[in-house]
Amino acid sequence: MNSQECTQRSKQLLKQRAKLTRLKTTEGNRSASHKCEECGKVLSTSYNLLIHHNIHAGVRPYTCSICNKSFRSASGLNRHVRDVHDGIKNFACDICGRHLASRASRDEHRRTHSGERPHICETCGKSFKQKASLHVHRLYHSQALPYRCVLCDRGFRRKQELDKHAIWHSGQKPYVCDICDERFRSKGCITRHRRTHINQQLHICAICGAKFTQERYLKRHCGSLHTTVRT
């Protein structure tokens, strides 16, 4: 981590600690409950309430210096570095043998086998196997749209959604169909397109192996490219 990143991280931590100090000062009673004014959820500590507020604000102040992924809390960042970048995976799933970096990650993974869904949305009651899935789901109940497109000012709940949206403005079509070579802007578009090829009989060029969904496309191809070599 360079000096600029260290300075930025320090500022983020100081800002979080200042908020935490203000919360403790106004509470007056350490045993008092910590209730979110936006959704009514009750947290056990001031720190947990502060981190919870980041969900509604769309704020993720802790950033990984290796891959730039951001997190709402320092513990989330530390868990990410350990699980993804350190490569230490000492906890094995007793069902499939997959190794995970922590006991919590192993237990979350095991639910993909058991079907258990312990993480429940307090707004609509929908349940999830993993805590991260519940977090993503909660964003759709929130009215906060912190990520704005600089070209059309459309708002998004997550940075990943904004990045996908930006592709539409750029005109790029990075996703290529491996059957007909048609190009698309998003994974969703190419997935829908590929369904059109399911159960279709492909017409294959005997000379170069090119594949076509209709016989007329194959004839056009052969007529324009292989006329001189056909027998």
C-alpha atoms as a PDB file:
ATOM      1  CA  MET A   1       0.000   0.000   0.000  1.00  0.00           C
ATOM      2  CA  ASN A   2       1.478   3.380  -0.992  1.00  0.00           C
ATOM      3  CA  SER A   3       1.460   6.562   1.103  1.00  0.00           C
ATOM      4  CA  GLN A   4      -1.557   8.026  -0.694  1.00  0.00           C
ATOM      5  CA  GLU A   5      -3.621   4.890  -0.028  1.00  0.00           C
ATOM      6  CA  CYS A   6      -2.518   4.910   3.623  1.00  0.00           C
ATOM      7  CA  THR A   7      -3.592   8.551   3.974  1.00  0.00           C
ATOM      8  CA  GLN A   8      -6.964   7.843   2.389  1.00  0.00           C
ATOM      9  CA  ARG A   9      -7.519   4.809   4.619  1.00  0.00           C
ATOM     10  CA  SER A  10      -6.617   6.854   7.716  1.00  0.00           C
ATOM     11  CA  LYS A  11      -9.115   9.558   6.787  1.00  0.00           C
ATOM     12  CA  GLN A  12     -11.814   6.928   6.312  1.00  0.00           C
ATOM     13  CA  LEU A  13     -11.120   5.380   9.691  1.00  0.00           C
ATOM     14  CA  LEU A  14     -11.034   8.764  11.462  1.00  0.00           C
ATOM     15  CA  LYS A  15     -14.376   9.702   9.930  1.00  0.00           C
ATOM     16  CA  GLN A  16     -15.916   6.432  11.067  1.00  0.00           C
ATOM     17  CA  ARG A  17     -14.513   6.835  14.601  1.00  0.00           C
ATOM     18  CA  ALA A  18     -15.831  10.413  14.819  1.00  0.00           C
ATOM     19  CA  LYS A  19     -19.320   9.198  13.952  1.00  0.00           C
ATOM     20  CA  LEU A  20     -19.017   6.443  16.526  1.00  0.00           C
ATOM     21  CA  THR A  21     -17.948   8.928  19.206  1.00  0.00           C
ATOM     22  CA  ARG A  22     -20.959  11.140  18.475  1.00  0.00           C
ATOM     23  CA  LEU A  23     -23.277   8.165  18.756  1.00  0.00           C
ATOM     24  CA  LYS A  24     -21.848   7.164  22.123  1.00  0.00           C
ATOM     25  CA  THR A  25     -22.113  10.733  23.412  1.00  0.00           C
ATOM     26  CA  THR A  26     -25.784  11.108  22.509  1.00  0.00           C
ATOM     27  CA  GLU A  27     -26.792   7.718  23.874  1.00  0.00           C
ATOM     28  CA  GLY A  28     -25.826   8.444  27.468  1.00  0.00           C
ATOM     29  CA  ASN A  29     -26.759   4.897  28.485  1.00  0.00           C
ATOM     30  CA  ARG A  30     -24.613   2.033  27.233  1.00  0.00           C
ATOM     31  CA  SER A  31     -27.368  -0.475  27.880  1.00  0.00           C
ATOM     32  CA  ALA A  32     -29.837   1.373  25.655  1.00  0.00           C
ATOM     33  CA  SER A  33     -30.890  -0.293  22.392  1.00  0.00           C
ATOM     34  CA  HIS A  34     -29.531   1.048  19.132  1.00  0.00           C
ATOM     35  CA  LYS A  35     -32.390   1.392  16.698  1.00  0.00           C
ATOM     36  CA  CYS A  36     -32.019   2.375  13.050  1.00  0.00           C
ATOM     37  CA  GLU A  37     -34.255   5.374  12.330  1.00  0.00           C
ATOM     38  CA  GLU A  38     -34.707   4.344   8.688  1.00  0.00           C
ATOM     39  CA  CYS A  39     -35.783   0.712   8.927  1.00  0.00           C
ATOM     40  CA  GLY A  40     -36.380   0.158  12.656  1.00  0.00           C
ATOM     41  CA  LYS A  41     -33.804  -2.613  13.040  1.00  0.00           C
ATOM     42  CA  VAL A  42     -32.287  -2.804  16.533  1.00  0.00           C
ATOM     43  CA  LEU A  43     -28.528  -3.344  16.780  1.00  0.00           C
ATOM     44  CA  SER A  44     -26.580  -4.491  19.827  1.00  0.00           C
ATOM     45  CA  THR A  45     -23.874  -1.780  19.836  1.00  0.00           C
ATOM     46  CA  SER A  46     -23.172   1.718  18.530  1.00  0.00           C
ATOM     47  CA  TYR A  47     -20.542   0.321  16.194  1.00  0.00           C
ATOM     48  CA  ASN A  48     -22.979  -2.174  14.679  1.00  0.00           C
ATOM     49  CA  LEU A  49     -25.515   0.620  14.200  1.00  0.00           C
ATOM     50  CA  LEU A  50     -22.891   2.757  12.449  1.00  0.00           C
ATOM     51  CA  ILE A  51     -21.966  -0.073  10.104  1.00  0.00           C
ATOM     52  CA  HIS A  52     -25.678  -0.767   9.513  1.00  0.00           C
ATOM     53  CA  HIS A  53     -26.219   2.876   8.497  1.00  0.00           C
ATOM     54  CA  ASN A  54     -23.737   2.312   5.675  1.00  0.00           C
ATOM     55  CA  ILE A  55     -26.267  -0.059   4.078  1.00  0.00           C
ATOM     56  CA  HIS A  56     -28.854   2.708   3.697  1.00  0.00           C
ATOM     57  CA  ALA A  57     -26.274   5.290   2.644  1.00  0.00           C
ATOM     58  CA  GLY A  58     -24.616   2.981   0.122  1.00  0.00           C
ATOM     59  CA  VAL A  59     -21.255   3.794   1.732  1.00  0.00           C
ATOM     60  CA  ARG A  60     -18.389   1.281   1.637  1.00  0.00           C
ATOM     61  CA  PRO A  61     -15.420   3.196   3.114  1.00  0.00           C
ATOM     62  CA  TYR A  62     -12.983   0.293   3.515  1.00  0.00           C
ATOM     63  CA  THR A  63     -11.186  -0.546   0.253  1.00  0.00           C
ATOM     64  CA  CYS A  64      -8.924  -3.502  -0.537  1.00  0.00           C
ATOM     65  CA  SER A  65      -5.514  -2.222  -1.650  1.00  0.00           C
ATOM     66  CA  ILE A  66      -5.043  -5.307  -3.860  1.00  0.00           C
ATOM     67  CA  CYS A  67      -8.224  -5.466  -5.936  1.00  0.00           C
ATOM     68  CA  ASN A  68     -10.059  -2.220  -4.967  1.00  0.00           C
ATOM     69  CA  LYS A  69     -13.156  -4.051  -3.776  1.00  0.00           C
ATOM     70  CA  SER A  70     -14.877  -1.987  -1.070  1.00  0.00           C
ATOM     71  CA  PHE A  71     -16.583  -2.972   2.192  1.00  0.00           C
ATOM     72  CA  ARG A  72     -18.849  -1.429   4.808  1.00  0.00           C
ATOM     73  CA  SER A  73     -16.702  -2.490   7.766  1.00  0.00           C
ATOM     74  CA  ALA A  74     -13.086  -3.175   8.655  1.00  0.00           C
ATOM     75  CA  SER A  75     -13.981  -6.735   9.621  1.00  0.00           C
ATOM     76  CA  GLY A  76     -15.470  -7.306   6.167  1.00  0.00           C
ATOM     77  CA  LEU A  77     -12.281  -6.057   4.539  1.00  0.00           C
ATOM     78  CA  ASN A  78     -10.095  -8.224   6.772  1.00  0.00           C
ATOM     79  CA  ARG A  79     -12.237 -11.263   6.020  1.00  0.00           C
ATOM     80  CA  HIS A  80     -11.973 -10.573   2.271  1.00  0.00           C
ATOM     81  CA  VAL A  81      -8.164 -10.289   2.357  1.00  0.00           C
ATOM     82  CA  ARG A  82      -7.877 -13.510   4.337  1.00  0.00           C
ATOM     83  CA  ASP A  83     -10.363 -15.466   2.227  1.00  0.00           C
ATOM     84  CA  VAL A  84      -9.386 -14.219  -1.232  1.00  0.00           C
ATOM     85  CA  HIS A  85      -5.816 -12.928  -1.241  1.00  0.00           C
ATOM     86  CA  ASP A  86      -3.930 -14.747   1.524  1.00  0.00           C
ATOM     87  CA  GLY A  87      -4.767 -18.174   0.117  1.00  0.00           C
ATOM     88  CA  ILE A  88      -4.894 -19.861   3.544  1.00  0.00           C
ATOM     89  CA  LYS A  89      -7.802 -22.321   3.521  1.00  0.00           C
ATOM     90  CA  ASN A  90      -7.742 -24.626   6.531  1.00  0.00           C
ATOM     91  CA  PHE A  91     -11.467 -25.350   6.894  1.00  0.00           C
ATOM     92  CA  ALA A  92     -12.775 -28.221   4.764  1.00  0.00           C
ATOM     93  CA  CYS A  93     -16.392 -28.930   3.875  1.00  0.00           C
ATOM     94  CA  ASP A  94     -17.243 -32.414   5.177  1.00  0.00           C
ATOM     95  CA  ILE A  95     -19.630 -32.957   2.257  1.00  0.00           C
ATOM     96  CA  CYS A  96     -17.647 -32.028  -0.859  1.00  0.00           C
ATOM     97  CA  GLY A  97     -14.142 -31.524   0.520  1.00  0.00           C
ATOM     98  CA  ARG A  98     -13.806 -27.907  -0.631  1.00  0.00           C
ATOM     99  CA  HIS A  99     -11.414 -25.895   1.558  1.00  0.00           C
ATOM    100  CA  LEU A 100     -12.453 -22.457   2.865  1.00  0.00           C
ATOM    101  CA  ALA A 101     -10.468 -19.742   4.610  1.00  0.00           C
ATOM    102  CA  SER A 102     -12.574 -19.488   7.774  1.00  0.00           C
ATOM    103  CA  ARG A 103     -15.073 -21.449   9.837  1.00  0.00           C
ATOM    104  CA  ALA A 104     -17.774 -18.908   8.976  1.00  0.00           C
ATOM    105  CA  SER A 105     -17.072 -19.277   5.242  1.00  0.00           C
ATOM    106  CA  ARG A 106     -17.165 -23.070   5.589  1.00  0.00           C
ATOM    107  CA  ASP A 107     -20.483 -22.944   7.426  1.00  0.00           C
ATOM    108  CA  GLU A 108     -21.968 -20.589   4.816  1.00  0.00           C
ATOM    109  CA  HIS A 109     -20.758 -22.918   2.056  1.00  0.00           C
ATOM    110  CA  ARG A 110     -22.308 -26.002   3.699  1.00  0.00           C
ATOM    111  CA  ARG A 111     -25.742 -24.415   3.340  1.00  0.00           C
ATOM    112  CA  THR A 112     -25.438 -24.805  -0.425  1.00  0.00           C
ATOM    113  CA  HIS A 113     -25.657 -28.569   0.279  1.00  0.00           C
ATOM    114  CA  SER A 114     -28.223 -28.561   3.093  1.00  0.00           C
ATOM    115  CA  GLY A 115     -30.640 -26.011   1.645  1.00  0.00           C
ATOM    116  CA  GLU A 116     -30.802 -24.176   4.976  1.00  0.00           C
ATOM    117  CA  ARG A 117     -31.737 -20.487   4.592  1.00  0.00           C
ATOM    118  CA  PRO A 118     -31.151 -18.788   7.959  1.00  0.00           C
ATOM    119  CA  HIS A 119     -30.698 -15.218   6.715  1.00  0.00           C
ATOM    120  CA  ILE A 120     -34.158 -13.622   6.557  1.00  0.00           C
ATOM    121  CA  CYS A 121     -35.066 -10.205   5.198  1.00  0.00           C
ATOM    122  CA  GLU A 122     -36.815  -8.242   7.950  1.00  0.00           C
ATOM    123  CA  THR A 123     -38.794  -6.281   5.346  1.00  0.00           C
ATOM    124  CA  CYS A 124     -40.343  -8.977   3.154  1.00  0.00           C
ATOM    125  CA  GLY A 125     -39.451 -12.260   4.869  1.00  0.00           C
ATOM    126  CA  LYS A 126     -37.495 -13.720   1.955  1.00  0.00           C
ATOM    127  CA  SER A 127     -34.722 -16.047   3.151  1.00  0.00           C
ATOM    128  CA  PHE A 128     -31.204 -16.704   1.888  1.00  0.00           C
ATOM    129  CA  LYS A 129     -28.450 -19.250   2.367  1.00  0.00           C
ATOM    130  CA  GLN A 130     -25.683 -16.684   2.638  1.00  0.00           C
ATOM    131  CA  LYS A 131     -25.439 -13.380   4.461  1.00  0.00           C
ATOM    132  CA  ALA A 132     -23.949 -11.682   1.393  1.00  0.00           C
ATOM    133  CA  SER A 133     -27.030 -12.627  -0.628  1.00  0.00           C
ATOM    134  CA  LEU A 134     -29.273 -11.048   2.009  1.00  0.00           C
ATOM    135  CA  HIS A 135     -27.182  -7.865   1.875  1.00  0.00           C
ATOM    136  CA  VAL A 136     -27.611  -7.579  -1.906  1.00  0.00           C
ATOM    137  CA  HIS A 137     -31.338  -8.235  -1.541  1.00  0.00           C
ATOM    138  CA  ARG A 138     -31.750  -5.506   1.112  1.00  0.00           C
ATOM    139  CA  LEU A 139     -30.455  -2.922  -1.356  1.00  0.00           C
ATOM    140  CA  TYR A 140     -33.620  -3.370  -3.410  1.00  0.00           C
ATOM    141  CA  HIS A 141     -35.747  -2.265  -0.453  1.00  0.00           C
ATOM    142  CA  SER A 142     -33.608   0.833   0.049  1.00  0.00           C
ATOM    143  CA  GLN A 143     -34.441   4.086  -1.733  1.00  0.00           C
ATOM    144  CA  ALA A 144     -30.788   5.141  -1.778  1.00  0.00           C
ATOM    145  CA  LEU A 145     -29.168   5.267  -5.229  1.00  0.00           C
ATOM    146  CA  PRO A 146     -25.624   6.432  -4.426  1.00  0.00           C
ATOM    147  CA  TYR A 147     -24.002   5.510  -7.746  1.00  0.00           C
ATOM    148  CA  ARG A 148     -24.929   7.975 -10.517  1.00  0.00           C
ATOM    149  CA  CYS A 149     -24.172   7.791 -14.225  1.00  0.00           C
ATOM    150  CA  VAL A 150     -22.243  10.912 -15.284  1.00  0.00           C
ATOM    151  CA  LEU A 151     -23.859  10.810 -18.737  1.00  0.00           C
ATOM    152  CA  CYS A 152     -27.563  10.361 -17.999  1.00  0.00           C
ATOM    153  CA  ASP A 153     -27.712  10.766 -14.182  1.00  0.00           C
ATOM    154  CA  ARG A 154     -29.482   7.436 -13.739  1.00  0.00           C
ATOM    155  CA  GLY A 155     -28.960   6.112 -10.199  1.00  0.00           C
ATOM    156  CA  PHE A 156     -27.946   2.639  -9.082  1.00  0.00           C
ATOM    157  CA  ARG A 157     -27.753   0.853  -5.752  1.00  0.00           C
ATOM    158  CA  ARG A 158     -24.478  -0.945  -6.486  1.00  0.00           C
ATOM    159  CA  LYS A 159     -21.297   0.003  -8.320  1.00  0.00           C
ATOM    160  CA  GLN A 160     -21.488  -3.237 -10.310  1.00  0.00           C
ATOM    161  CA  GLU A 161     -24.831  -2.112 -11.750  1.00  0.00           C
ATOM    162  CA  LEU A 162     -23.381   1.264 -12.723  1.00  0.00           C
ATOM    163  CA  ASP A 163     -20.425  -0.417 -14.447  1.00  0.00           C
ATOM    164  CA  LYS A 164     -22.777  -2.609 -16.497  1.00  0.00           C
ATOM    165  CA  HIS A 165     -24.888   0.430 -17.394  1.00  0.00           C
ATOM    166  CA  ALA A 166     -21.800   2.333 -18.611  1.00  0.00           C
ATOM    167  CA  ILE A 167     -21.263  -0.293 -21.312  1.00  0.00           C
ATOM    168  CA  TRP A 168     -24.506   0.819 -22.995  1.00  0.00           C
ATOM    169  CA  HIS A 169     -23.166   4.340 -23.377  1.00  0.00           C
ATOM    170  CA  SER A 170     -19.776   3.153 -24.648  1.00  0.00           C
ATOM    171  CA  GLY A 171     -21.249   1.095 -27.483  1.00  0.00           C
ATOM    172  CA  GLN A 172     -18.950  -1.803 -26.630  1.00  0.00           C
ATOM    173  CA  LYS A 173     -20.173  -5.344 -27.229  1.00  0.00           C
ATOM    174  CA  PRO A 174     -17.663  -7.575 -25.446  1.00  0.00           C
ATOM    175  CA  TYR A 175     -19.814 -10.729 -25.293  1.00  0.00           C
ATOM    176  CA  VAL A 176     -19.602 -12.900 -28.425  1.00  0.00           C
ATOM    177  CA  CYS A 177     -21.891 -15.836 -29.228  1.00  0.00           C
ATOM    178  CA  ASP A 178     -19.713 -18.906 -29.824  1.00  0.00           C
ATOM    179  CA  ILE A 179     -22.225 -20.270 -32.326  1.00  0.00           C
ATOM    180  CA  CYS A 180     -23.026 -17.387 -34.664  1.00  0.00           C
ATOM    181  CA  ASP A 181     -20.440 -14.740 -33.603  1.00  0.00           C
ATOM    182  CA  GLU A 182     -23.103 -12.094 -32.945  1.00  0.00           C
ATOM    183  CA  ARG A 183     -21.935  -9.609 -30.297  1.00  0.00           C
ATOM    184  CA  PHE A 184     -23.803  -8.278 -27.247  1.00  0.00           C
ATOM    185  CA  ARG A 185     -23.367  -5.637 -24.537  1.00  0.00           C
ATOM    186  CA  SER A 186     -24.157  -7.775 -21.471  1.00  0.00           C
ATOM    187  CA  LYS A 187     -24.169 -11.335 -20.172  1.00  0.00           C
ATOM    188  CA  GLY A 188     -27.933 -11.175 -19.852  1.00  0.00           C
ATOM    189  CA  CYS A 189     -28.339 -10.325 -23.542  1.00  0.00           C
ATOM    190  CA  ILE A 190     -26.061 -13.110 -24.740  1.00  0.00           C
ATOM    191  CA  THR A 191     -27.716 -15.614 -22.402  1.00  0.00           C
ATOM    192  CA  ARG A 192     -31.126 -14.811 -23.876  1.00  0.00           C
ATOM    193  CA  HIS A 193     -29.678 -14.993 -27.371  1.00  0.00           C
ATOM    194  CA  ARG A 194     -28.091 -18.405 -26.821  1.00  0.00           C
ATOM    195  CA  ARG A 195     -31.498 -19.844 -26.011  1.00  0.00           C
ATOM    196  CA  THR A 196     -32.435 -19.291 -29.649  1.00  0.00           C
ATOM    197  CA  HIS A 197     -29.801 -21.855 -30.603  1.00  0.00           C
ATOM    198  CA  ILE A 198     -31.082 -24.556 -28.259  1.00  0.00           C
ATOM    199  CA  ASN A 199     -32.434 -27.567 -30.164  1.00  0.00           C
ATOM    200  CA  GLN A 200     -31.667 -25.878 -33.471  1.00  0.00           C
ATOM    201  CA  GLN A 201     -29.938 -27.946 -36.136  1.00  0.00           C
ATOM    202  CA  LEU A 202     -26.647 -26.303 -37.024  1.00  0.00           C
ATOM    203  CA  HIS A 203     -25.466 -26.167 -40.622  1.00  0.00           C
ATOM    204  CA  ILE A 204     -21.703 -26.597 -40.715  1.00  0.00           C
ATOM    205  CA  CYS A 205     -19.411 -25.622 -43.581  1.00  0.00           C
ATOM    206  CA  ALA A 206     -17.503 -28.717 -44.774  1.00  0.00           C
ATOM    207  CA  ILE A 207     -14.541 -26.575 -45.830  1.00  0.00           C
ATOM    208  CA  CYS A 208     -13.826 -24.279 -42.850  1.00  0.00           C
ATOM    209  CA  GLY A 209     -16.147 -25.580 -40.112  1.00  0.00           C
ATOM    210  CA  ALA A 210     -18.135 -22.346 -39.765  1.00  0.00           C
ATOM    211  CA  LYS A 211     -21.528 -22.907 -38.099  1.00  0.00           C
ATOM    212  CA  PHE A 212     -24.872 -21.424 -39.146  1.00  0.00           C
ATOM    213  CA  THR A 213     -28.356 -21.669 -37.710  1.00  0.00           C
ATOM    214  CA  GLN A 214     -30.029 -21.648 -41.137  1.00  0.00           C
ATOM    215  CA  GLU A 215     -29.118 -23.400 -44.366  1.00  0.00           C
ATOM    216  CA  ARG A 216     -29.428 -20.184 -46.388  1.00  0.00           C
ATOM    217  CA  TYR A 217     -26.701 -18.586 -44.274  1.00  0.00           C
ATOM    218  CA  LEU A 218     -24.425 -21.527 -45.029  1.00  0.00           C
ATOM    219  CA  LYS A 219     -25.107 -21.239 -48.775  1.00  0.00           C
ATOM    220  CA  ARG A 220     -24.410 -17.521 -48.708  1.00  0.00           C
ATOM    221  CA  HIS A 221     -21.182 -18.170 -46.828  1.00  0.00           C
ATOM    222  CA  CYS A 222     -19.998 -20.832 -49.296  1.00  0.00           C
ATOM    223  CA  GLY A 223     -20.986 -18.735 -52.271  1.00  0.00           C
ATOM    224  CA  SER A 224     -18.997 -15.733 -51.115  1.00  0.00           C
ATOM    225  CA  LEU A 225     -15.925 -17.389 -49.592  1.00  0.00           C
ATOM    226  CA  HIS A 226     -15.445 -20.867 -51.045  1.00  0.00           C
ATOM    227  CA  THR A 227     -16.597 -20.533 -54.651  1.00  0.00           C
ATOM    228  CA  THR A 228     -13.122 -21.097 -56.103  1.00  0.00           C
ATOM    229  CA  VAL A 229     -12.380 -24.196 -54.024  1.00  0.00           C
ATOM    230  CA  ARG A 230     -15.690 -26.004 -54.269  1.00  0.00           C
ATOM    231  CA  THR A 231     -15.830 -29.118 -56.445  1.00  0.00           C
END
